[in-house]
Protein backbone atom coordinates (compact mmCIF):
# COMPACT_ATOMS: atom_id res chain seq x y z
CA MET A 1 176.52 38.93 31.06
CA ARG A 2 174.19 36.06 31.44
CA VAL A 3 172.31 35.51 28.21
CA ILE A 4 169.23 33.51 27.70
CA ILE A 5 168.91 31.51 24.13
CA ILE A 6 165.14 31.82 22.93
CA GLY A 7 164.62 28.37 20.86
CA ALA A 8 166.03 25.11 21.58
CA GLY A 9 166.14 23.77 18.03
CA GLY A 10 169.08 22.94 16.12
CA HIS A 11 169.85 26.60 15.36
CA ALA A 12 169.74 27.47 18.79
CA GLN A 13 172.02 24.66 19.68
CA VAL A 14 174.52 26.24 17.16
CA VAL A 15 173.94 29.64 18.80
CA ALA A 16 174.75 28.05 22.51
CA ASP A 17 178.27 26.39 21.16
CA ILE A 18 179.08 30.00 19.74
CA LEU A 19 178.69 31.48 22.87
CA LEU A 20 180.12 28.71 24.93
CA ARG A 21 183.12 29.15 22.49
CA ALA A 22 183.45 32.70 22.91
CA GLN A 23 183.14 32.15 26.82
CA GLU A 24 186.28 29.68 26.34
CA GLN A 25 188.22 33.18 24.66
CA ASN A 26 187.30 35.00 28.06
CA VAL A 27 184.38 37.02 26.05
CA PHE A 28 182.24 38.51 28.99
CA VAL A 29 179.60 36.16 27.90
CA GLN A 30 177.75 33.44 30.11
CA PRO A 31 174.80 31.19 28.35
CA ILE A 32 172.55 30.12 31.26
CA GLY A 33 170.22 28.06 29.52
CA PHE A 34 167.28 27.85 26.49
CA LEU A 35 163.55 29.09 26.56
CA ASP A 36 161.49 27.07 24.38
CA ASP A 37 157.05 26.68 24.02
CA HIS A 38 157.58 23.08 23.23
CA PRO A 39 156.65 21.50 26.63
CA ALA A 40 158.48 18.44 25.70
CA LEU A 41 161.60 20.23 26.01
CA ALA A 42 161.67 21.38 29.47
CA GLY A 43 163.95 20.07 31.91
CA GLN A 44 166.31 18.71 29.18
CA HIS A 45 170.12 19.60 29.02
CA ILE A 46 171.41 20.75 25.42
CA LEU A 47 175.24 21.19 25.21
CA GLY A 48 174.97 21.01 29.08
CA LEU A 49 172.43 23.78 29.31
CA PRO A 50 169.09 23.56 30.68
CA VAL A 51 165.57 24.04 28.86
CA MET A 52 164.36 26.08 32.10
CA GLY A 53 161.05 26.58 30.83
CA VAL A 54 158.83 28.60 27.81
CA LEU A 55 159.05 32.14 26.79
CA ALA A 56 156.41 33.50 29.26
CA GLN A 57 158.77 32.18 31.96
CA LEU A 58 161.66 34.91 30.65
CA GLN A 59 161.21 37.63 33.24
CA ALA A 60 160.98 35.39 36.41
CA ILE A 61 164.71 34.14 35.25
CA PRO A 62 167.76 36.58 36.21
CA HIS A 63 169.43 37.69 33.04
CA GLU A 64 171.08 40.49 31.39
CA ALA A 65 170.34 39.87 27.68
CA VAL A 66 169.14 37.21 25.25
CA VAL A 67 169.66 35.79 21.96
CA ILE A 68 166.57 34.86 19.50
CA ALA A 69 167.73 31.81 18.23
CA ILE A 70 165.35 30.72 15.69
CA GLY A 71 166.02 30.47 11.82
CA ASP A 72 162.42 31.82 10.18
CA ASN A 73 163.18 35.23 9.79
CA ALA A 74 159.63 36.66 10.34
CA THR A 75 159.37 34.51 13.49
CA ARG A 76 162.54 36.15 14.36
CA GLN A 77 161.56 39.83 13.50
CA ARG A 78 158.30 39.23 15.54
CA LEU A 79 159.97 38.12 18.75
CA TYR A 80 162.73 40.65 18.47
CA ALA A 81 159.71 43.40 18.58
CA ASP A 82 158.23 42.04 21.45
CA LEU A 83 160.92 41.48 23.46
CA GLN A 84 162.25 44.61 22.91
CA SER A 85 158.95 46.41 23.50
CA ARG A 86 159.53 44.67 26.95
CA GLY A 87 163.16 46.37 27.58
CA GLU A 88 165.35 43.22 26.89
CA CYS A 89 168.89 43.60 25.74
CA PHE A 90 169.95 41.77 22.71
CA ALA A 91 173.43 39.96 22.82
CA ILE A 92 175.78 39.31 19.95
CA ALA A 93 176.57 35.49 19.52
CA ARG A 94 179.80 36.08 17.81
CA HIS A 95 182.25 32.83 17.08
CA PRO A 96 185.93 33.36 17.83
CA ARG A 97 186.59 31.77 14.40
CA ALA A 98 185.06 34.28 12.65
CA VAL A 99 187.06 37.19 10.91
CA ILE A 100 185.46 40.42 11.14
CA ALA A 101 186.87 43.84 10.01
CA PRO A 102 187.33 46.21 12.97
CA ASP A 103 185.12 48.88 11.29
CA VAL A 104 182.20 46.60 10.65
CA PHE A 105 178.90 47.51 12.72
CA ILE A 106 177.34 44.57 14.10
CA GLY A 107 173.58 45.22 15.27
CA PRO A 108 172.06 43.72 18.82
CA GLY A 109 170.89 40.07 18.62
CA SER A 110 172.73 39.18 15.57
CA MET A 111 174.44 35.54 15.17
CA ILE A 112 177.99 35.31 13.40
CA ALA A 113 179.10 31.95 12.99
CA ALA A 114 182.35 29.91 12.33
CA ASN A 115 184.45 30.60 9.54
CA VAL A 116 182.44 33.98 8.47
CA VAL A 117 184.34 36.60 6.95
CA VAL A 118 183.20 40.39 7.24
CA ASN A 119 185.32 42.76 5.40
CA THR A 120 186.22 46.60 6.16
CA GLY A 121 182.84 48.86 5.57
CA SER A 122 179.96 46.66 6.30
CA VAL A 123 177.07 46.82 8.49
CA ILE A 124 175.17 43.94 9.75
CA SER A 125 171.67 45.40 11.20
CA ALA A 126 169.81 43.85 14.08
CA ASN A 127 168.83 40.43 14.75
CA ALA A 128 170.82 39.18 11.38
CA ILE A 129 172.10 35.95 10.88
CA LEU A 130 175.60 35.45 9.19
CA ASN A 131 175.98 31.45 9.35
CA THR A 132 178.59 29.19 8.88
CA GLY A 133 181.28 30.03 6.23
CA SER A 134 178.99 32.69 4.46
CA THR A 135 181.41 35.50 3.32
CA VAL A 136 180.47 39.25 3.49
CA ASP A 137 182.65 41.21 1.06
CA HIS A 138 183.52 45.02 1.64
CA HIS A 139 180.57 47.82 2.00
CA ASN A 140 177.99 45.72 2.60
CA HIS A 141 174.74 46.31 4.18
CA ILE A 142 172.85 43.45 5.68
CA GLY A 143 169.18 44.46 6.88
CA ALA A 144 167.53 43.45 9.87
CA HIS A 145 166.46 40.11 10.47
CA ALA A 146 167.84 38.66 7.35
CA HIS A 147 169.84 35.32 7.24
CA ILE A 148 172.97 34.78 4.96
CA ALA A 149 172.90 30.96 5.01
CA PRO A 150 175.92 28.61 5.08
CA GLY A 151 178.43 29.26 2.38
CA ALA A 152 177.08 32.10 0.70
CA HIS A 153 179.02 34.75 -0.56
CA LEU A 154 178.13 38.25 -1.09
CA GLY A 155 180.35 40.31 -3.31
CA GLY A 156 181.58 44.07 -2.63
CA HIS A 157 178.70 46.95 -2.29
CA VAL A 158 175.71 44.24 -2.02
CA THR A 159 172.66 45.69 -0.22
CA VAL A 160 170.60 42.81 1.44
CA GLY A 161 167.05 44.25 2.65
CA ASP A 162 165.60 43.24 5.75
CA GLY A 163 164.22 39.85 6.56
CA VAL A 164 166.14 38.34 3.17
CA LEU A 165 167.09 34.84 3.00
CA VAL A 166 170.36 34.21 1.03
CA GLY A 167 170.17 30.42 0.63
CA ILE A 168 173.07 27.69 0.91
CA GLY A 169 176.14 28.24 -1.42
CA ALA A 170 174.37 31.52 -3.40
CA THR A 171 176.60 34.13 -4.80
CA VAL A 172 175.43 37.55 -4.85
CA MET A 173 177.59 39.89 -7.54
CA PRO A 174 179.07 42.95 -6.62
CA GLY A 175 176.82 46.12 -6.07
CA GLN A 176 173.24 44.08 -6.25
CA ARG A 177 170.42 44.50 -4.34
CA VAL A 178 168.48 42.14 -2.83
CA GLY A 179 164.89 43.67 -1.63
CA ALA A 180 163.16 43.08 1.51
CA TRP A 181 161.68 39.69 2.45
CA SER A 182 162.58 38.01 -0.53
CA VAL A 183 164.74 34.48 -0.96
CA VAL A 184 167.32 33.77 -2.88
CA GLY A 185 167.38 29.84 -3.58
CA ALA A 186 170.09 27.51 -2.62
CA GLY A 187 172.97 27.77 -5.01
CA THR A 188 171.41 30.95 -7.12
CA LEU A 189 173.80 33.38 -8.71
CA VAL A 190 172.29 36.98 -8.38
CA HIS A 191 173.65 38.84 -11.21
CA ARG A 192 170.85 41.74 -11.10
CA ASP A 193 169.04 43.30 -8.44
CA VAL A 194 166.30 41.06 -6.95
CA PRO A 195 163.10 42.86 -6.10
CA GLU A 196 160.95 43.13 -2.46
CA LYS A 197 159.21 39.98 -1.37
CA VAL A 198 159.99 37.34 -4.55
CA THR A 199 161.55 34.44 -4.83
CA ALA A 200 164.75 34.09 -6.93
CA VAL A 201 166.53 30.85 -8.21
CA GLY A 202 168.80 29.82 -10.94
CA VAL A 203 172.16 30.37 -12.45
CA PRO A 204 171.49 33.09 -13.24
CA ALA A 205 169.05 34.27 -10.96
CA ARG A 206 165.27 34.15 -12.16
CA ILE A 207 161.95 35.09 -10.25
CA LEU A 208 160.13 32.34 -9.57
CA LYS A 209 157.23 33.63 -7.62
CA GLN A 210 155.86 36.31 -5.54
CA GLN A 211 156.23 35.64 -1.49
CA ARG A 212 152.45 35.05 0.08
CA GLN A 213 153.43 37.95 2.61
CA ALA A 214 153.69 40.46 -0.55
CA LYS A 215 150.39 39.15 -1.80
CA GLU A 216 148.54 39.45 1.76
CA MET A 217 149.71 42.96 2.16
CA SER A 218 148.48 44.19 -0.89
CA ARG A 219 144.88 43.25 -0.16
């Protein structure tokens, strides 16, 4: 399966490395290059893969699937909806050193980095990121376009809404909910439910501010 990586920045290079490591383990995946709208990147080679042009050129390049390798959740959501409407298929980038229970559902376009652990009964929705060394315990539900950052840890029966960012080293205690499009700051301890579209920080977590997106939607 020939896969084009959308984006060519640092996160995209991690995704490329995941696909290359999977290919070494005889997973049926072949990353063929990057597309990035930064014109200065065109023609460069990263990890041995070419930057083949800009996103508008996607349909002209033979491929079977794409991965949107952009860290910003809102941008990733927008591109996913656009590419899905064009009939694109989405590959899963799963590092061979991730530990995933056999019954875990992983949605299309998701990225599972090295040393991630996902335990039984969990659902990882479409286009989500489980970044390096994060852990998702049993019976979690991770929403579409969410990002669990490096070293973040989620207890059992945690629900993470669509578009959520759980920051580096944060901890979400068992049974808690983080509402859609909220941000949990780095190192934060979530011991109570977090509403939608807020930023929560601290130990224990406190609501720092309402997201601008929420304010705009209420107008």
